[in-house]
């Protein structure tokens, strides 16, 4: 389940529930995006945070 909130005119945040690839526990991923100026380009990730481990590189790869 995802929850999207609009931060301001140019950014938005999505919180989604995921399963940790390391130990299969539940985690929440919070990703803040900056809207792209063109629809042909993906939105830019400004910040990623995993509720289990803030510096988890395995979770972060799913969003790059």
PDB file of N, CA and C in Angstrom:
ATOM      1  N   UNK A   1       0.838  -1.173   0.000  1.00  0.00           N
ATOM      2  CA  UNK A   1       0.000   0.000   0.000  1.00  0.00           C
ATOM      3  C   UNK A   1       0.888   1.244   0.000  1.00  0.00           C
ATOM      4  N   UNK A   2       0.592   2.167  -0.869  1.00  0.00           N
ATOM      5  CA  UNK A   2       1.367   3.396  -0.978  1.00  0.00           C
ATOM      6  C   UNK A   2       0.532   4.589  -0.547  1.00  0.00           C
ATOM      7  N   UNK A   3       1.226   5.559   0.015  1.00  0.00           N
ATOM      8  CA  UNK A   3       0.576   6.809   0.383  1.00  0.00           C
ATOM      9  C   UNK A   3       1.403   7.939  -0.213  1.00  0.00           C
ATOM     10  N   UNK A   4       0.776   8.761  -1.025  1.00  0.00           N
ATOM     11  CA  UNK A   4       1.472   9.869  -1.669  1.00  0.00           C
ATOM     12  C   UNK A   4       0.973  11.182  -1.089  1.00  0.00           C
ATOM     13  N   UNK A   5       1.922  12.049  -0.744  1.00  0.00           N
ATOM     14  CA  UNK A   5       1.577  13.376  -0.248  1.00  0.00           C
ATOM     15  C   UNK A   5       2.332  14.417  -1.057  1.00  0.00           C
ATOM     16  N   UNK A   6       1.661  15.509  -1.326  1.00  0.00           N
ATOM     17  CA  UNK A   6       2.270  16.599  -2.080  1.00  0.00           C
ATOM     18  C   UNK A   6       2.938  17.545  -1.089  1.00  0.00           C
ATOM     19  N   UNK A   7       4.255  17.710  -1.218  1.00  0.00           N
ATOM     20  CA  UNK A   7       4.992  18.574  -0.300  1.00  0.00           C
ATOM     21  C   UNK A   7       4.854  20.044  -0.696  1.00  0.00           C
ATOM     22  N   UNK A   8       5.073  20.311  -1.945  1.00  0.00           N
ATOM     23  CA  UNK A   8       4.885  21.652  -2.492  1.00  0.00           C
ATOM     24  C   UNK A   8       4.652  21.521  -3.987  1.00  0.00           C
ATOM     25  N   UNK A   9       4.787  22.587  -4.695  1.00  0.00           N
ATOM     26  CA  UNK A   9       4.500  22.605  -6.129  1.00  0.00           C
ATOM     27  C   UNK A   9       5.428  21.685  -6.932  1.00  0.00           C
ATOM     28  N   UNK A  10       6.658  21.481  -6.444  1.00  0.00           N
ATOM     29  CA  UNK A  10       7.652  20.748  -7.223  1.00  0.00           C
ATOM     30  C   UNK A  10       8.086  19.422  -6.614  1.00  0.00           C
ATOM     31  N   UNK A  11       7.659  19.103  -5.393  1.00  0.00           N
ATOM     32  CA  UNK A  11       8.082  17.853  -4.766  1.00  0.00           C
ATOM     33  C   UNK A  11       6.891  17.103  -4.182  1.00  0.00           C
ATOM     34  N   UNK A  12       7.072  15.778  -4.056  1.00  0.00           N
ATOM     35  CA  UNK A  12       6.069  14.933  -3.422  1.00  0.00           C
ATOM     36  C   UNK A  12       6.770  13.757  -2.753  1.00  0.00           C
ATOM     37  N   UNK A  13       6.105  13.159  -1.770  1.00  0.00           N
ATOM     38  CA  UNK A  13       6.673  12.051  -1.008  1.00  0.00           C
ATOM     39  C   UNK A  13       5.748  10.850  -1.101  1.00  0.00           C
ATOM     40  N   UNK A  14       6.354   9.677  -1.288  1.00  0.00           N
ATOM     41  CA  UNK A  14       5.603   8.425  -1.325  1.00  0.00           C
ATOM     42  C   UNK A  14       6.124   7.520  -0.212  1.00  0.00           C
ATOM     43  N   UNK A  15       5.208   7.014   0.606  1.00  0.00           N
ATOM     44  CA  UNK A  15       5.552   6.041   1.641  1.00  0.00           C
ATOM     45  C   UNK A  15       4.941   4.714   1.208  1.00  0.00           C
ATOM     46  N   UNK A  16       5.786   3.694   1.066  1.00  0.00           N
ATOM     47  CA  UNK A  16       5.290   2.384   0.661  1.00  0.00           C
ATOM     48  C   UNK A  16       5.810   1.319   1.619  1.00  0.00           C
ATOM     49  N   UNK A  17       5.043   0.266   1.766  1.00  0.00           N
ATOM     50  CA  UNK A  17       5.430  -0.839   2.639  1.00  0.00           C
ATOM     51  C   UNK A  17       6.151  -1.874   1.793  1.00  0.00           C
ATOM     52  N   UNK A  18       7.258  -2.386   2.342  1.00  0.00           N
ATOM     53  CA  UNK A  18       8.085  -3.334   1.602  1.00  0.00           C
ATOM     54  C   UNK A  18       8.579  -4.418   2.554  1.00  0.00           C
ATOM     55  N   UNK A  19       9.196  -5.442   1.966  1.00  0.00           N
ATOM     56  CA  UNK A  19       9.808  -6.508   2.736  1.00  0.00           C
ATOM     57  C   UNK A  19      11.319  -6.385   2.620  1.00  0.00           C
ATOM     58  N   UNK A  20      12.001  -6.422   3.740  1.00  0.00           N
ATOM     59  CA  UNK A  20      13.456  -6.276   3.769  1.00  0.00           C
ATOM     60  C   UNK A  20      14.105  -7.467   3.052  1.00  0.00           C
ATOM     61  N   UNK A  21      15.008  -7.209   2.097  1.00  0.00           N
ATOM     62  CA  UNK A  21      15.659  -8.313   1.390  1.00  0.00           C
ATOM     63  C   UNK A  21      16.655  -9.076   2.266  1.00  0.00           C
ATOM     64  N   UNK A  22      17.077  -8.486   3.375  1.00  0.00           N
ATOM     65  CA  UNK A  22      18.061  -9.140   4.242  1.00  0.00           C
ATOM     66  C   UNK A  22      17.430 -10.184   5.152  1.00  0.00           C
ATOM     67  N   UNK A  23      16.316  -9.820   5.819  1.00  0.00           N
ATOM     68  CA  UNK A  23      15.736 -10.744   6.796  1.00  0.00           C
ATOM     69  C   UNK A  23      14.220 -10.934   6.651  1.00  0.00           C
ATOM     70  N   UNK A  24      13.647 -10.448   5.564  1.00  0.00           N
ATOM     71  CA  UNK A  24      12.219 -10.611   5.248  1.00  0.00           C
ATOM     72  C   UNK A  24      11.280  -9.957   6.257  1.00  0.00           C
ATOM     73  N   UNK A  25      11.767  -8.992   7.006  1.00  0.00           N
ATOM     74  CA  UNK A  25      10.900  -8.265   7.929  1.00  0.00           C
ATOM     75  C   UNK A  25      10.202  -7.129   7.189  1.00  0.00           C
ATOM     76  N   UNK A  26       9.165  -6.593   7.816  1.00  0.00           N
ATOM     77  CA  UNK A  26       8.409  -5.505   7.195  1.00  0.00           C
ATOM     78  C   UNK A  26       9.137  -4.185   7.412  1.00  0.00           C
ATOM     79  N   UNK A  27       9.073  -3.322   6.401  1.00  0.00           N
ATOM     80  CA  UNK A  27       9.713  -2.008   6.481  1.00  0.00           C
ATOM     81  C   UNK A  27       8.866  -1.007   5.709  1.00  0.00           C
ATOM     82  N   UNK A  28       9.079   0.257   6.016  1.00  0.00           N
ATOM     83  CA  UNK A  28       8.416   1.329   5.273  1.00  0.00           C
ATOM     84  C   UNK A  28       9.497   2.128   4.548  1.00  0.00           C
ATOM     85  N   UNK A  29       9.284   2.334   3.263  1.00  0.00           N
ATOM     86  CA  UNK A  29      10.209   3.131   2.464  1.00  0.00           C
ATOM     87  C   UNK A  29       9.579   4.488   2.194  1.00  0.00           C
ATOM     88  N   UNK A  30      10.300   5.533   2.520  1.00  0.00           N
ATOM     89  CA  UNK A  30       9.853   6.897   2.291  1.00  0.00           C
ATOM     90  C   UNK A  30      10.767   7.512   1.246  1.00  0.00           C
ATOM     91  N   UNK A  31      10.183   7.903   0.119  1.00  0.00           N
ATOM     92  CA  UNK A  31      10.958   8.463  -0.985  1.00  0.00           C
ATOM     93  C   UNK A  31      10.391   9.834  -1.339  1.00  0.00           C
ATOM     94  N   UNK A  32      11.266  10.833  -1.381  1.00  0.00           N
ATOM     95  CA  UNK A  32      10.873  12.180  -1.771  1.00  0.00           C
ATOM     96  C   UNK A  32      11.374  12.426  -3.187  1.00  0.00           C
ATOM     97  N   UNK A  33      10.471  12.851  -4.046  1.00  0.00           N
ATOM     98  CA  UNK A  33      10.776  13.085  -5.459  1.00  0.00           C
ATOM     99  C   UNK A  33      10.634  14.561  -5.814  1.00  0.00           C
ATOM    100  N   UNK A  34      11.416  14.987  -6.779  1.00  0.00           N
ATOM    101  CA  UNK A  34      11.241  16.294  -7.399  1.00  0.00           C
ATOM    102  C   UNK A  34      10.646  16.034  -8.775  1.00  0.00           C
ATOM    103  N   UNK A  35       9.564  16.713  -9.083  1.00  0.00           N
ATOM    104  CA  UNK A  35       8.899  16.509 -10.362  1.00  0.00           C
ATOM    105  C   UNK A  35       9.805  16.935 -11.513  1.00  0.00           C
ATOM    106  N   UNK A  36       9.871  16.106 -12.526  1.00  0.00           N
ATOM    107  CA  UNK A  36      10.649  16.427 -13.716  1.00  0.00           C
ATOM    108  C   UNK A  36       9.925  17.509 -14.522  1.00  0.00           C
ATOM    109  N   UNK A  37      10.687  18.262 -15.263  1.00  0.00           N
ATOM    110  CA  UNK A  37      10.088  19.331 -16.062  1.00  0.00           C
ATOM    111  C   UNK A  37       9.523  18.812 -17.377  1.00  0.00           C
ATOM    112  N   UNK A  38       9.810  17.556 -17.694  1.00  0.00           N
ATOM    113  CA  UNK A  38       9.353  16.953 -18.950  1.00  0.00           C
ATOM    114  C   UNK A  38       8.799  15.565 -18.636  1.00  0.00           C
ATOM    115  N   UNK A  39       7.728  15.175 -19.301  1.00  0.00           N
ATOM    116  CA  UNK A  39       7.121  13.869 -19.035  1.00  0.00           C
ATOM    117  C   UNK A  39       7.961  12.712 -19.579  1.00  0.00           C
ATOM    118  N   UNK A  40       8.924  12.995 -20.437  1.00  0.00           N
ATOM    119  CA  UNK A  40       9.782  11.943 -20.983  1.00  0.00           C
ATOM    120  C   UNK A  40      10.926  11.575 -20.049  1.00  0.00           C
ATOM    121  N   UNK A  41      11.068  12.305 -18.959  1.00  0.00           N
ATOM    122  CA  UNK A  41      12.147  12.087 -18.002  1.00  0.00           C
ATOM    123  C   UNK A  41      11.539  11.666 -16.664  1.00  0.00           C
ATOM    124  N   UNK A  42      12.180  10.697 -16.006  1.00  0.00           N
ATOM    125  CA  UNK A  42      11.698  10.264 -14.687  1.00  0.00           C
ATOM    126  C   UNK A  42      11.872  11.371 -13.657  1.00  0.00           C
ATOM    127  N   UNK A  43      11.016  11.359 -12.654  1.00  0.00           N
ATOM    128  CA  UNK A  43      11.159  12.299 -11.543  1.00  0.00           C
ATOM    129  C   UNK A  43      12.456  11.980 -10.792  1.00  0.00           C
ATOM    130  N   UNK A  44      13.051  12.986 -10.190  1.00  0.00           N
ATOM    131  CA  UNK A  44      14.344  12.849  -9.520  1.00  0.00           C
ATOM    132  C   UNK A  44      14.133  12.488  -8.051  1.00  0.00           C
ATOM    133  N   UNK A  45      14.870  11.492  -7.562  1.00  0.00           N
ATOM    134  CA  UNK A  45      14.807  11.122  -6.154  1.00  0.00           C
ATOM    135  C   UNK A  45      15.689  12.078  -5.362  1.00  0.00           C
ATOM    136  N   UNK A  46      15.066  12.785  -4.428  1.00  0.00           N
ATOM    137  CA  UNK A  46      15.813  13.704  -3.571  1.00  0.00           C
ATOM    138  C   UNK A  46      16.264  13.032  -2.280  1.00  0.00           C
ATOM    139  N   UNK A  47      15.442  12.101  -1.769  1.00  0.00           N
ATOM    140  CA  UNK A  47      15.757  11.468  -0.494  1.00  0.00           C
ATOM    141  C   UNK A  47      15.097  10.099  -0.422  1.00  0.00           C
ATOM    142  N   UNK A  48      15.820   9.125   0.134  1.00  0.00           N
ATOM    143  CA  UNK A  48      15.290   7.787   0.375  1.00  0.00           C
ATOM    144  C   UNK A  48      15.555   7.432   1.832  1.00  0.00           C
ATOM    145  N   UNK A  49      14.560   6.816   2.476  1.00  0.00           N
ATOM    146  CA  UNK A  49      14.731   6.386   3.860  1.00  0.00           C
ATOM    147  C   UNK A  49      13.990   5.068   4.070  1.00  0.00           C
ATOM    148  N   UNK A  50      14.701   4.081   4.622  1.00  0.00           N
ATOM    149  CA  UNK A  50      14.096   2.800   4.994  1.00  0.00           C
ATOM    150  C   UNK A  50      13.915   2.806   6.503  1.00  0.00           C
ATOM    151  N   UNK A  51      12.746   2.392   6.981  1.00  0.00           N
ATOM    152  CA  UNK A  51      12.477   2.425   8.416  1.00  0.00           C
ATOM    153  C   UNK A  51      13.323   1.411   9.193  1.00  0.00           C
ATOM    154  N   UNK A  52      13.807   0.378   8.536  1.00  0.00           N
ATOM    155  CA  UNK A  52      14.645  -0.632   9.201  1.00  0.00           C
ATOM    156  C   UNK A  52      16.101  -0.177   9.311  1.00  0.00           C
ATOM    157  N   UNK A  53      16.639   0.348   8.210  1.00  0.00           N
ATOM    158  CA  UNK A  53      18.043   0.745   8.177  1.00  0.00           C
ATOM    159  C   UNK A  53      18.178   1.914   7.203  1.00  0.00           C
ATOM    160  N   UNK A  54      18.464   3.077   7.713  1.00  0.00           N
ATOM    161  CA  UNK A  54      18.503   4.299   6.901  1.00  0.00           C
ATOM    162  C   UNK A  54      19.540   4.206   5.792  1.00  0.00           C
ATOM    163  N   UNK A  55      20.627   3.487   6.016  1.00  0.00           N
ATOM    164  CA  UNK A  55      21.707   3.412   5.034  1.00  0.00           C
ATOM    165  C   UNK A  55      21.686   2.123   4.227  1.00  0.00           C
ATOM    166  N   UNK A  56      20.579   1.431   4.203  1.00  0.00           N
ATOM    167  CA  UNK A  56      20.466   0.165   3.471  1.00  0.00           C
ATOM    168  C   UNK A  56      20.611   0.394   1.969  1.00  0.00           C
ATOM    169  N   UNK A  57      21.648  -0.154   1.392  1.00  0.00           N
ATOM    170  CA  UNK A  57      21.887   0.007  -0.035  1.00  0.00           C
ATOM    171  C   UNK A  57      21.028  -0.941  -0.874  1.00  0.00           C
ATOM    172  N   UNK A  58      20.689  -2.110  -0.329  1.00  0.00           N
ATOM    173  CA  UNK A  58      19.882  -3.070  -1.077  1.00  0.00           C
ATOM    174  C   UNK A  58      18.480  -2.536  -1.345  1.00  0.00           C
ATOM    175  N   UNK A  59      17.866  -1.920  -0.362  1.00  0.00           N
ATOM    176  CA  UNK A  59      16.534  -1.335  -0.543  1.00  0.00           C
ATOM    177  C   UNK A  59      16.592  -0.149  -1.507  1.00  0.00           C
ATOM    178  N   UNK A  60      17.610   0.644  -1.357  1.00  0.00           N
ATOM    179  CA  UNK A  60      17.733   1.860  -2.160  1.00  0.00           C
ATOM    180  C   UNK A  60      17.874   1.539  -3.643  1.00  0.00           C
ATOM    181  N   UNK A  61      18.484   0.416  -3.987  1.00  0.00           N
ATOM    182  CA  UNK A  61      18.664   0.020  -5.390  1.00  0.00           C
ATOM    183  C   UNK A  61      17.337  -0.138  -6.128  1.00  0.00           C
ATOM    184  N   UNK A  62      16.283  -0.514  -5.403  1.00  0.00           N
ATOM    185  CA  UNK A  62      14.970  -0.700  -6.026  1.00  0.00           C
ATOM    186  C   UNK A  62      14.403   0.604  -6.588  1.00  0.00           C
ATOM    187  N   UNK A  63      14.923   1.731  -6.122  1.00  0.00           N
ATOM    188  CA  UNK A  63      14.371   3.020  -6.527  1.00  0.00           C
ATOM    189  C   UNK A  63      15.269   3.777  -7.496  1.00  0.00           C
ATOM    190  N   UNK A  64      16.438   3.250  -7.780  1.00  0.00           N
ATOM    191  CA  UNK A  64      17.351   3.939  -8.696  1.00  0.00           C
ATOM    192  C   UNK A  64      17.142   3.503 -10.117  1.00  0.00           C
TER     193      UNK A  64
END
